[in-house]
Amino acid sequence: MSQPSRNQIDGVLMLIEQMISRDGGALSFGSYAAAEGRLVVDYDKGPNGGCSECVLDAESLKDFIVEAFETRGLNIEDVVLRS
């Protein structure tokens, strides 16, 4: 697996954000430490008009992000969600 570029990171986050924005959430790049494979993502869960079941929990969101990178052959070892 290769290290992702900033453009690749932004592209993956944009795809995931499309999924969570329907529920009022937002994602943005925080930082990336290539040596550790650690991606920090700013996550605004956002309210969705009282639909607490609609919003992804943090662990599921992390799993989606890691899987999105893995399917593209990009190495992300750890995702930290920052609120």
Protein backbone atom coordinates (compact mmCIF):
# COMPACT_ATOMS: atom_id res chain seq x y z
CA MET A 1 0.00 0.00 0.00
CA SER A 2 1.14 3.51 -0.71
CA GLN A 3 0.94 6.71 1.29
CA PRO A 4 -1.95 8.95 0.21
CA SER A 5 -1.39 12.43 -1.17
CA ARG A 6 -3.34 15.38 0.18
CA ASN A 7 -5.54 15.32 -2.95
CA GLN A 8 -6.32 11.64 -2.40
CA ILE A 9 -7.14 12.28 1.26
CA ASP A 10 -9.44 15.17 0.35
CA GLY A 11 -11.12 13.04 -2.33
CA VAL A 12 -11.88 10.18 0.06
CA LEU A 13 -13.13 12.55 2.76
CA MET A 14 -15.39 14.26 0.22
CA LEU A 15 -16.95 10.91 -0.71
CA ILE A 16 -17.58 10.01 2.93
CA GLU A 17 -18.89 13.51 3.66
CA GLN A 18 -21.54 13.11 0.97
CA MET A 19 -22.90 10.21 2.98
CA ILE A 20 -22.96 12.01 6.33
CA SER A 21 -23.99 15.44 5.06
CA ARG A 22 -27.51 14.12 4.47
CA ASP A 23 -27.72 13.78 8.24
CA GLY A 24 -26.27 17.24 8.87
CA GLY A 25 -22.66 16.14 9.42
CA ALA A 26 -19.44 17.51 7.96
CA LEU A 27 -15.84 16.28 7.61
CA SER A 28 -12.65 18.17 6.91
CA PHE A 29 -8.94 17.42 6.83
CA GLY A 30 -7.16 18.01 10.13
CA SER A 31 -3.67 16.58 9.61
CA TYR A 32 -1.83 13.54 8.33
CA ALA A 33 1.29 11.99 9.83
CA ALA A 34 2.65 9.70 7.11
CA ALA A 35 5.25 8.01 9.34
CA GLU A 36 2.52 6.81 11.71
CA GLY A 37 -0.20 6.45 9.07
CA ARG A 38 -2.41 8.64 11.27
CA LEU A 39 -5.12 10.81 9.78
CA VAL A 40 -6.85 13.43 11.93
CA VAL A 41 -10.28 14.38 10.65
CA ASP A 42 -12.41 17.23 11.96
CA TYR A 43 -15.92 15.84 12.37
CA ASP A 44 -19.03 17.89 12.98
CA LYS A 45 -21.73 15.36 13.76
CA GLY A 46 -24.48 17.92 13.22
CA PRO A 47 -28.05 17.52 14.36
CA ASN A 48 -30.55 16.11 11.92
CA GLY A 49 -33.86 17.38 13.17
CA GLY A 50 -34.02 14.92 16.04
CA CYS A 51 -32.95 11.88 14.05
CA SER A 52 -30.26 10.59 16.40
CA GLU A 53 -30.38 7.17 14.71
CA CYS A 54 -29.44 8.75 11.36
CA VAL A 55 -26.00 9.98 12.44
CA LEU A 56 -23.09 7.53 12.23
CA ASP A 57 -21.33 6.76 15.48
CA ALA A 58 -17.63 7.58 15.64
CA GLU A 59 -16.37 3.98 15.39
CA SER A 60 -18.47 3.21 12.31
CA LEU A 61 -17.30 6.41 10.66
CA LYS A 62 -13.65 5.56 11.37
CA ASP A 63 -14.19 2.10 9.86
CA PHE A 64 -15.75 3.62 6.73
CA ILE A 65 -12.83 6.01 6.32
CA VAL A 66 -10.17 3.31 6.77
CA GLU A 67 -12.00 0.98 4.38
CA ALA A 68 -12.32 3.73 1.76
CA PHE A 69 -8.55 4.21 1.80
CA GLU A 70 -7.81 0.47 1.82
CA THR A 71 -10.00 -0.16 -1.24
CA ARG A 72 -7.89 2.44 -3.07
CA GLY A 73 -4.62 0.82 -1.99
CA LEU A 74 -3.76 3.71 0.32
CA ASN A 75 -2.27 3.25 3.77
CA ILE A 76 -4.10 4.77 6.74
CA GLU A 77 -3.35 2.94 9.98
CA ASP A 78 -5.28 5.16 12.38
CA VAL A 79 -8.08 7.70 12.10
CA VAL A 80 -8.64 10.24 14.85
CA LEU A 81 -11.95 12.10 14.79
CA ARG A 82 -11.75 15.55 16.29
CA SER A 83 -14.98 17.30 17.23
